[in-house]
Protein backbone atom coordinates (compact mmCIF):
# COMPACT_ATOMS: atom_id res chain seq x y z
CA UNK A 1 15.18 1.33 -0.38
CA UNK A 2 13.36 -0.34 2.99
CA UNK A 3 12.62 -4.33 2.98
CA UNK A 4 9.27 -5.03 2.13
CA UNK A 5 7.76 -7.59 3.92
CA UNK A 6 5.00 -9.62 1.40
CA UNK A 7 1.84 -11.39 2.66
CA UNK A 8 -1.59 -12.49 1.18
CA UNK A 9 -4.46 -10.32 1.06
CA UNK A 10 -7.30 -12.22 0.04
CA UNK A 11 -9.84 -9.53 -1.69
CA UNK A 12 -13.31 -10.42 -3.32
CA UNK A 13 -13.45 -10.03 -6.91
CA UNK A 14 -15.38 -6.75 -6.95
CA UNK A 15 -13.71 -5.18 -3.82
CA UNK A 16 -10.40 -6.18 -6.16
CA UNK A 17 -11.82 -5.13 -9.63
CA UNK A 18 -12.49 -1.64 -7.78
CA UNK A 19 -9.38 -1.51 -6.64
CA UNK A 20 -7.06 -2.00 -9.97
CA UNK A 21 -9.23 0.90 -12.02
CA UNK A 22 -8.63 2.84 -8.55
CA UNK A 23 -4.71 2.08 -8.72
CA UNK A 24 -4.89 2.87 -12.80
CA UNK A 25 -6.74 6.09 -12.86
CA UNK A 26 -3.98 7.55 -10.50
CA UNK A 27 -0.76 5.70 -12.47
CA UNK A 28 0.11 3.16 -9.64
CA UNK A 29 -0.26 -0.42 -9.82
CA UNK A 30 -2.45 -2.13 -7.82
CA UNK A 31 0.34 -3.09 -4.91
CA UNK A 32 0.86 0.57 -4.87
CA UNK A 33 -2.51 1.53 -4.29
CA UNK A 34 -2.70 -0.52 -1.71
CA UNK A 35 0.53 0.50 -0.08
CA UNK A 36 -1.00 4.18 -0.48
CA UNK A 37 -4.10 3.49 0.85
CA UNK A 38 -2.74 1.57 4.26
CA UNK A 39 0.31 4.38 4.52
CA UNK A 40 -2.52 7.24 4.00
CA UNK A 41 -5.49 5.68 6.67
CA UNK A 42 -2.18 5.12 9.45
CA UNK A 43 -1.61 9.10 9.09
CA UNK A 44 -5.04 9.71 9.75
CA UNK A 45 -5.16 7.77 12.61
CA UNK A 46 -1.85 9.52 14.30
CA UNK A 47 0.20 6.13 14.11
CA UNK A 48 2.92 7.09 11.54
CA UNK A 49 5.11 10.07 12.27
CA UNK A 50 4.69 13.04 10.07
CA UNK A 51 8.48 13.16 8.87
CA UNK A 52 8.43 16.86 8.18
CA UNK A 53 7.69 17.23 10.89
CA UNK A 54 10.38 15.09 12.53
CA UNK A 55 13.19 16.34 10.94
CA UNK A 56 11.82 20.27 11.89
CA UNK A 57 12.24 19.51 15.58
CA UNK A 58 15.77 17.74 14.65
CA UNK A 59 17.81 20.91 14.42
């Protein structure tokens, strides 16, 4: 497993509470939900390689 970077994230209590509920609704930890949101945003913005496409072109 890749090493992960730790950092402090400051959120309003209201935002954190909503994020926490969203995570519970999707059976994730709050940290996992934040990571999922960030990865989705990066992918949607075209800042992450689509691993399936990369694998298809590597042959």
